[in-house]
């Protein structure tokens, strides 16, 4: 008969500080507990590694590029100009016809066209493109001797001359979209021409970006 703690089927185990006795356990049970202990240690190691990787990933992301605040668009001074010709949805520049073209710097008999021609209807109402003050009548003559009358409109930002219209008045304040007068017909002198007004900046620059 084998004593306690001896034999191939017994394992030594310390169960108390004051009792260092041997306990006999089946080998299969001991090996099972050993495997569980190893699996627990492996699981704990993997968990620690996962937490470490997660912390490193978070730290790397914190060092990544920050969100960029979109730049604000810079607007031109003053409000956008409204449509001059009543009954039209936009300020459409006159295309080329038998009498020339209406774009800024188009070729003319006497040089370049330092204005833009906006398509309108004969006798159609012409509205103020921006708020400001009327500053008197204006007039110009082409090489053939034809006269074109109009009015000057100015504000703190813009100054324009509008030709080929019959103004209701020549002085005083006006609001954006207010009626200034009506378009004079051109067909009597220029058969086949597209009816239009002429819009010219007082300093001779291109008004196209504003319309």
C-alpha atoms as a PDB file:
ATOM      1  CA  UNK A   1       0.000   0.000   0.000  1.00  0.00           C
ATOM      2  CA  UNK A   2       1.372   3.397  -1.039  1.00  0.00           C
ATOM      3  CA  UNK A   3       1.565   6.240   1.444  1.00  0.00           C
ATOM      4  CA  UNK A   4      -0.072   9.616   0.908  1.00  0.00           C
ATOM      5  CA  UNK A   5       1.904  11.725  -1.535  1.00  0.00           C
ATOM      6  CA  UNK A   6       3.618   8.778  -3.215  1.00  0.00           C
ATOM      7  CA  UNK A   7       3.043   6.886  -6.371  1.00  0.00           C
ATOM      8  CA  UNK A   8       2.680   7.737 -10.065  1.00  0.00           C
ATOM      9  CA  UNK A   9      -0.895   8.936  -9.645  1.00  0.00           C
ATOM     10  CA  UNK A  10      -0.127  11.550  -6.964  1.00  0.00           C
ATOM     11  CA  UNK A  11       0.967  15.229  -7.414  1.00  0.00           C
ATOM     12  CA  UNK A  12       2.422  17.492  -4.782  1.00  0.00           C
ATOM     13  CA  UNK A  13       0.350  20.559  -3.890  1.00  0.00           C
ATOM     14  CA  UNK A  14       0.857  23.090  -1.094  1.00  0.00           C
ATOM     15  CA  UNK A  15      -2.545  23.880   0.406  1.00  0.00           C
ATOM     16  CA  UNK A  16      -1.535  25.886   3.481  1.00  0.00           C
ATOM     17  CA  UNK A  17       1.501  27.561   4.889  1.00  0.00           C
ATOM     18  CA  UNK A  18       1.439  25.343   7.959  1.00  0.00           C
ATOM     19  CA  UNK A  19       0.582  22.092   6.206  1.00  0.00           C
ATOM     20  CA  UNK A  20       2.843  20.915   3.462  1.00  0.00           C
ATOM     21  CA  UNK A  21       1.116  17.648   2.791  1.00  0.00           C
ATOM     22  CA  UNK A  22       0.714  15.670  -0.358  1.00  0.00           C
ATOM     23  CA  UNK A  23      -2.628  15.278  -2.055  1.00  0.00           C
ATOM     24  CA  UNK A  24      -3.311  12.594  -4.506  1.00  0.00           C
ATOM     25  CA  UNK A  25      -5.160  13.539  -7.689  1.00  0.00           C
ATOM     26  CA  UNK A  26      -5.733  11.631 -10.881  1.00  0.00           C
ATOM     27  CA  UNK A  27      -3.195  12.508 -13.552  1.00  0.00           C
ATOM     28  CA  UNK A  28      -5.955  13.411 -16.059  1.00  0.00           C
ATOM     29  CA  UNK A  29      -7.471  15.964 -13.659  1.00  0.00           C
ATOM     30  CA  UNK A  30      -4.093  17.501 -12.944  1.00  0.00           C
ATOM     31  CA  UNK A  31      -3.274  17.830 -16.626  1.00  0.00           C
ATOM     32  CA  UNK A  32      -6.717  19.332 -17.291  1.00  0.00           C
ATOM     33  CA  UNK A  33      -6.157  21.995 -14.633  1.00  0.00           C
ATOM     34  CA  UNK A  34      -2.721  22.660 -16.068  1.00  0.00           C
ATOM     35  CA  UNK A  35      -4.159  23.214 -19.553  1.00  0.00           C
ATOM     36  CA  UNK A  36      -6.832  25.559 -18.147  1.00  0.00           C
ATOM     37  CA  UNK A  37      -4.121  27.556 -16.393  1.00  0.00           C
ATOM     38  CA  UNK A  38      -2.093  27.813 -19.606  1.00  0.00           C
ATOM     39  CA  UNK A  39      -5.162  28.829 -21.609  1.00  0.00           C
ATOM     40  CA  UNK A  40      -6.014  31.503 -19.026  1.00  0.00           C
ATOM     41  CA  UNK A  41      -2.482  32.896 -19.196  1.00  0.00           C
ATOM     42  CA  UNK A  42      -2.605  32.896 -23.018  1.00  0.00           C
ATOM     43  CA  UNK A  43      -5.993  34.650 -23.034  1.00  0.00           C
ATOM     44  CA  UNK A  44      -4.753  37.283 -20.606  1.00  0.00           C
ATOM     45  CA  UNK A  45      -1.665  37.864 -22.740  1.00  0.00           C
ATOM     46  CA  UNK A  46      -3.758  38.299 -25.902  1.00  0.00           C
ATOM     47  CA  UNK A  47      -6.111  40.702 -24.113  1.00  0.00           C
ATOM     48  CA  UNK A  48      -3.201  42.835 -22.909  1.00  0.00           C
ATOM     49  CA  UNK A  49      -1.773  42.884 -26.432  1.00  0.00           C
ATOM     50  CA  UNK A  50      -5.154  43.917 -27.899  1.00  0.00           C
ATOM     51  CA  UNK A  51      -5.494  46.772 -25.399  1.00  0.00           C
ATOM     52  CA  UNK A  52      -1.962  47.924 -26.177  1.00  0.00           C
ATOM     53  CA  UNK A  53      -2.593  47.881 -29.932  1.00  0.00           C
ATOM     54  CA  UNK A  54      -5.851  49.798 -29.454  1.00  0.00           C
ATOM     55  CA  UNK A  55      -4.083  52.435 -27.369  1.00  0.00           C
ATOM     56  CA  UNK A  56      -1.340  52.778 -29.993  1.00  0.00           C
ATOM     57  CA  UNK A  57      -3.975  53.080 -32.776  1.00  0.00           C
ATOM     58  CA  UNK A  58      -5.799  55.793 -30.834  1.00  0.00           C
ATOM     59  CA  UNK A  59      -2.557  57.640 -30.175  1.00  0.00           C
ATOM     60  CA  UNK A  60      -1.592  57.475 -33.858  1.00  0.00           C
ATOM     61  CA  UNK A  61      -4.983  58.841 -34.876  1.00  0.00           C
ATOM     62  CA  UNK A  62      -4.646  61.662 -32.361  1.00  0.00           C
ATOM     63  CA  UNK A  63      -1.429  62.644 -34.096  1.00  0.00           C
ATOM     64  CA  UNK A  64      -3.111  62.549 -37.503  1.00  0.00           C
ATOM     65  CA  UNK A  65      -4.146  65.599 -39.552  1.00  0.00           C
ATOM     66  CA  UNK A  66      -6.815  67.735 -37.977  1.00  0.00           C
ATOM     67  CA  UNK A  67     -10.015  68.744 -39.738  1.00  0.00           C
ATOM     68  CA  UNK A  68      -9.442  71.729 -41.997  1.00  0.00           C
ATOM     69  CA  UNK A  69     -11.870  74.606 -41.634  1.00  0.00           C
ATOM     70  CA  UNK A  70     -13.242  75.502 -45.101  1.00  0.00           C
ATOM     71  CA  UNK A  71     -12.170  78.892 -46.354  1.00  0.00           C
ATOM     72  CA  UNK A  72     -14.917  81.411 -46.714  1.00  0.00           C
ATOM     73  CA  UNK A  73     -15.563  82.734 -50.171  1.00  0.00           C
ATOM     74  CA  UNK A  74     -14.716  86.364 -50.599  1.00  0.00           C
ATOM     75  CA  UNK A  75     -17.567  88.284 -52.098  1.00  0.00           C
ATOM     76  CA  UNK A  76     -17.186  91.337 -54.228  1.00  0.00           C
ATOM     77  CA  UNK A  77     -18.105  94.594 -52.593  1.00  0.00           C
ATOM     78  CA  UNK A  78     -21.782  95.402 -52.803  1.00  0.00           C
ATOM     79  CA  UNK A  79     -24.790  93.263 -53.596  1.00  0.00           C
ATOM     80  CA  UNK A  80     -25.195  91.287 -56.822  1.00  0.00           C
ATOM     81  CA  UNK A  81     -26.812  93.278 -59.627  1.00  0.00           C
ATOM     82  CA  UNK A  82     -30.390  92.447 -60.539  1.00  0.00           C
ATOM     83  CA  UNK A  83     -31.851  92.022 -64.040  1.00  0.00           C
ATOM     84  CA  UNK A  84     -32.101  95.318 -65.925  1.00  0.00           C
ATOM     85  CA  UNK A  85     -34.615  94.361 -68.603  1.00  0.00           C
ATOM     86  CA  UNK A  86     -38.101  93.620 -67.272  1.00  0.00           C
ATOM     87  CA  UNK A  87     -39.548  90.317 -68.459  1.00  0.00           C
ATOM     88  CA  UNK A  88     -36.127  88.646 -68.725  1.00  0.00           C
ATOM     89  CA  UNK A  89     -34.743  86.043 -66.318  1.00  0.00           C
ATOM     90  CA  UNK A  90     -31.123  87.169 -66.594  1.00  0.00           C
ATOM     91  CA  UNK A  91     -28.856  89.827 -68.058  1.00  0.00           C
ATOM     92  CA  UNK A  92     -28.143  88.216 -71.431  1.00  0.00           C
ATOM     93  CA  UNK A  93     -25.364  89.783 -73.486  1.00  0.00           C
ATOM     94  CA  UNK A  94     -26.236  90.419 -77.107  1.00  0.00           C
ATOM     95  CA  UNK A  95     -24.752  87.827 -79.455  1.00  0.00           C
ATOM     96  CA  UNK A  96     -23.236  88.756 -82.801  1.00  0.00           C
ATOM     97  CA  UNK A  97     -25.641  89.884 -85.530  1.00  0.00           C
ATOM     98  CA  UNK A  98     -25.265  91.721 -88.854  1.00  0.00           C
ATOM     99  CA  UNK A  99     -24.391  94.913 -86.975  1.00  0.00           C
ATOM    100  CA  UNK A 100     -21.763  93.577 -84.596  1.00  0.00           C
ATOM    101  CA  UNK A 101     -21.388  91.885 -81.230  1.00  0.00           C
ATOM    102  CA  UNK A 102     -22.411  93.014 -77.751  1.00  0.00           C
ATOM    103  CA  UNK A 103     -19.608  91.584 -75.584  1.00  0.00           C
ATOM    104  CA  UNK A 104     -17.038  93.767 -73.865  1.00  0.00           C
ATOM    105  CA  UNK A 105     -14.042  94.598 -76.090  1.00  0.00           C
ATOM    106  CA  UNK A 106     -15.856  93.518 -79.267  1.00  0.00           C
ATOM    107  CA  UNK A 107     -14.444  95.083 -82.421  1.00  0.00           C
ATOM    108  CA  UNK A 108     -16.231  98.183 -83.678  1.00  0.00           C
ATOM    109  CA  UNK A 109     -15.574 100.579 -86.537  1.00  0.00           C
ATOM    110  CA  UNK A 110     -14.145 103.146 -84.151  1.00  0.00           C
ATOM    111  CA  UNK A 111     -12.199 100.706 -81.953  1.00  0.00           C
ATOM    112  CA  UNK A 112     -13.155  98.297 -79.186  1.00  0.00           C
ATOM    113  CA  UNK A 113     -16.560  98.226 -77.533  1.00  0.00           C
ATOM    114  CA  UNK A 114     -15.934  99.357 -73.933  1.00  0.00           C
ATOM    115  CA  UNK A 115     -19.398  98.333 -72.731  1.00  0.00           C
ATOM    116  CA  UNK A 116     -21.806  95.395 -72.900  1.00  0.00           C
ATOM    117  CA  UNK A 117     -25.107  95.232 -74.789  1.00  0.00           C
ATOM    118  CA  UNK A 118     -27.942  93.566 -72.864  1.00  0.00           C
ATOM    119  CA  UNK A 119     -30.828  92.063 -74.814  1.00  0.00           C
ATOM    120  CA  UNK A 120     -34.152  93.816 -74.073  1.00  0.00           C
ATOM    121  CA  UNK A 121     -37.559  94.248 -75.710  1.00  0.00           C
ATOM    122  CA  UNK A 122     -38.468  97.420 -77.583  1.00  0.00           C
ATOM    123  CA  UNK A 123     -40.222  99.827 -75.182  1.00  0.00           C
ATOM    124  CA  UNK A 124     -39.610  97.345 -72.363  1.00  0.00           C
ATOM    125  CA  UNK A 125     -39.141  98.661 -68.821  1.00  0.00           C
ATOM    126  CA  UNK A 126     -35.541  99.099 -67.650  1.00  0.00           C
ATOM    127  CA  UNK A 127     -34.893  98.584 -63.930  1.00  0.00           C
ATOM    128  CA  UNK A 128     -32.058  99.798 -61.699  1.00  0.00           C
ATOM    129  CA  UNK A 129     -29.403  97.051 -61.307  1.00  0.00           C
ATOM    130  CA  UNK A 130     -28.455  98.319 -57.831  1.00  0.00           C
ATOM    131  CA  UNK A 131     -29.563 100.929 -55.317  1.00  0.00           C
ATOM    132  CA  UNK A 132     -28.035 104.382 -55.684  1.00  0.00           C
ATOM    133  CA  UNK A 133     -28.695 107.832 -57.100  1.00  0.00           C
ATOM    134  CA  UNK A 134     -29.377 109.115 -60.589  1.00  0.00           C
ATOM    135  CA  UNK A 135     -26.686 111.625 -61.553  1.00  0.00           C
ATOM    136  CA  UNK A 136     -28.002 113.247 -64.716  1.00  0.00           C
ATOM    137  CA  UNK A 137     -28.391 112.508 -68.429  1.00  0.00           C
ATOM    138  CA  UNK A 138     -25.668 110.991 -70.624  1.00  0.00           C
ATOM    139  CA  UNK A 139     -25.284 110.926 -74.400  1.00  0.00           C
ATOM    140  CA  UNK A 140     -22.944 109.503 -77.016  1.00  0.00           C
ATOM    141  CA  UNK A 141     -22.671 109.477 -80.806  1.00  0.00           C
ATOM    142  CA  UNK A 142     -21.459 106.741 -83.159  1.00  0.00           C
ATOM    143  CA  UNK A 143     -19.322 107.327 -86.312  1.00  0.00           C
ATOM    144  CA  UNK A 144     -22.498 107.476 -88.431  1.00  0.00           C
ATOM    145  CA  UNK A 145     -23.812 110.379 -86.362  1.00  0.00           C
ATOM    146  CA  UNK A 146     -26.505 108.459 -84.455  1.00  0.00           C
ATOM    147  CA  UNK A 147     -27.149 109.720 -80.925  1.00  0.00           C
ATOM    148  CA  UNK A 148     -27.801 107.441 -77.941  1.00  0.00           C
ATOM    149  CA  UNK A 149     -29.235 108.965 -74.814  1.00  0.00           C
ATOM    150  CA  UNK A 150     -29.459 107.567 -71.307  1.00  0.00           C
ATOM    151  CA  UNK A 151     -28.806 108.202 -67.629  1.00  0.00           C
ATOM    152  CA  UNK A 152     -25.986 107.816 -65.106  1.00  0.00           C
ATOM    153  CA  UNK A 153     -26.506 105.702 -61.971  1.00  0.00           C
ATOM    154  CA  UNK A 154     -24.005 105.657 -59.127  1.00  0.00           C
ATOM    155  CA  UNK A 155     -23.593 104.298 -55.589  1.00  0.00           C
ATOM    156  CA  UNK A 156     -20.798 104.123 -53.039  1.00  0.00           C
ATOM    157  CA  UNK A 157     -19.414 101.124 -54.941  1.00  0.00           C
ATOM    158  CA  UNK A 158     -20.453 101.348 -58.605  1.00  0.00           C
ATOM    159  CA  UNK A 159     -21.004 103.916 -61.318  1.00  0.00           C
ATOM    160  CA  UNK A 160     -22.637 103.056 -64.661  1.00  0.00           C
ATOM    161  CA  UNK A 161     -24.049 104.738 -67.740  1.00  0.00           C
ATOM    162  CA  UNK A 162     -27.112 103.179 -69.345  1.00  0.00           C
ATOM    163  CA  UNK A 163     -27.648 104.150 -73.013  1.00  0.00           C
ATOM    164  CA  UNK A 164     -30.496 103.781 -75.476  1.00  0.00           C
ATOM    165  CA  UNK A 165     -33.258 104.292 -72.919  1.00  0.00           C
ATOM    166  CA  UNK A 166     -35.754 107.044 -72.220  1.00  0.00           C
ATOM    167  CA  UNK A 167     -35.446 107.747 -68.468  1.00  0.00           C
ATOM    168  CA  UNK A 168     -38.458 108.732 -66.386  1.00  0.00           C
ATOM    169  CA  UNK A 169     -36.210 111.126 -64.467  1.00  0.00           C
ATOM    170  CA  UNK A 170     -32.529 112.050 -64.275  1.00  0.00           C
ATOM    171  CA  UNK A 171     -31.919 112.859 -60.623  1.00  0.00           C
ATOM    172  CA  UNK A 172     -32.708 111.464 -57.201  1.00  0.00           C
ATOM    173  CA  UNK A 173     -32.350 108.225 -55.247  1.00  0.00           C
ATOM    174  CA  UNK A 174     -33.464 104.869 -56.675  1.00  0.00           C
ATOM    175  CA  UNK A 175     -33.798 101.386 -55.178  1.00  0.00           C
ATOM    176  CA  UNK A 176     -32.527  98.187 -56.771  1.00  0.00           C
ATOM    177  CA  UNK A 177     -35.168  96.895 -59.200  1.00  0.00           C
ATOM    178  CA  UNK A 178     -36.956 100.248 -59.471  1.00  0.00           C
ATOM    179  CA  UNK A 179     -38.060 101.292 -62.975  1.00  0.00           C
ATOM    180  CA  UNK A 180     -35.705 103.830 -64.570  1.00  0.00           C
ATOM    181  CA  UNK A 181     -37.342 104.219 -67.965  1.00  0.00           C
ATOM    182  CA  UNK A 182     -38.000 102.219 -71.143  1.00  0.00           C
ATOM    183  CA  UNK A 183     -35.937 100.932 -74.081  1.00  0.00           C
ATOM    184  CA  UNK A 184     -35.861 102.910 -77.322  1.00  0.00           C
ATOM    185  CA  UNK A 185     -36.237 100.831 -80.522  1.00  0.00           C
ATOM    186  CA  UNK A 186     -33.240 100.459 -82.852  1.00  0.00           C
ATOM    187  CA  UNK A 187     -34.916  98.787 -85.827  1.00  0.00           C
ATOM    188  CA  UNK A 188     -35.666 102.134 -87.493  1.00  0.00           C
ATOM    189  CA  UNK A 189     -31.957 102.781 -87.998  1.00  0.00           C
ATOM    190  CA  UNK A 190     -30.507  99.252 -87.927  1.00  0.00           C
ATOM    191  CA  UNK A 191     -32.674  96.677 -89.645  1.00  0.00           C
ATOM    192  CA  UNK A 192     -32.180  93.184 -88.199  1.00  0.00           C
ATOM    193  CA  UNK A 193     -30.274  94.318 -85.118  1.00  0.00           C
ATOM    194  CA  UNK A 194     -31.021  92.690 -81.758  1.00  0.00           C
ATOM    195  CA  UNK A 195     -32.839  95.164 -79.514  1.00  0.00           C
ATOM    196  CA  UNK A 196     -30.632  96.061 -76.559  1.00  0.00           C
ATOM    197  CA  UNK A 197     -29.439  98.655 -74.085  1.00  0.00           C
ATOM    198  CA  UNK A 198     -25.786  99.576 -73.644  1.00  0.00           C
ATOM    199  CA  UNK A 199     -24.291  99.282 -70.164  1.00  0.00           C
ATOM    200  CA  UNK A 200     -21.001 101.070 -69.557  1.00  0.00           C
ATOM    201  CA  UNK A 201     -18.915 101.452 -66.406  1.00  0.00           C
ATOM    202  CA  UNK A 202     -17.972 105.068 -65.727  1.00  0.00           C
ATOM    203  CA  UNK A 203     -14.260 104.110 -65.511  1.00  0.00           C
ATOM    204  CA  UNK A 204     -14.342 102.063 -68.729  1.00  0.00           C
ATOM    205  CA  UNK A 205     -13.846  98.650 -67.035  1.00  0.00           C
ATOM    206  CA  UNK A 206     -15.781  95.482 -67.860  1.00  0.00           C
ATOM    207  CA  UNK A 207     -19.193  95.250 -66.143  1.00  0.00           C
ATOM    208  CA  UNK A 208     -19.610  91.566 -67.091  1.00  0.00           C
ATOM    209  CA  UNK A 209     -18.535  90.163 -63.676  1.00  0.00           C
ATOM    210  CA  UNK A 210     -21.381  92.055 -61.971  1.00  0.00           C
ATOM    211  CA  UNK A 211     -24.241  91.141 -64.258  1.00  0.00           C
END
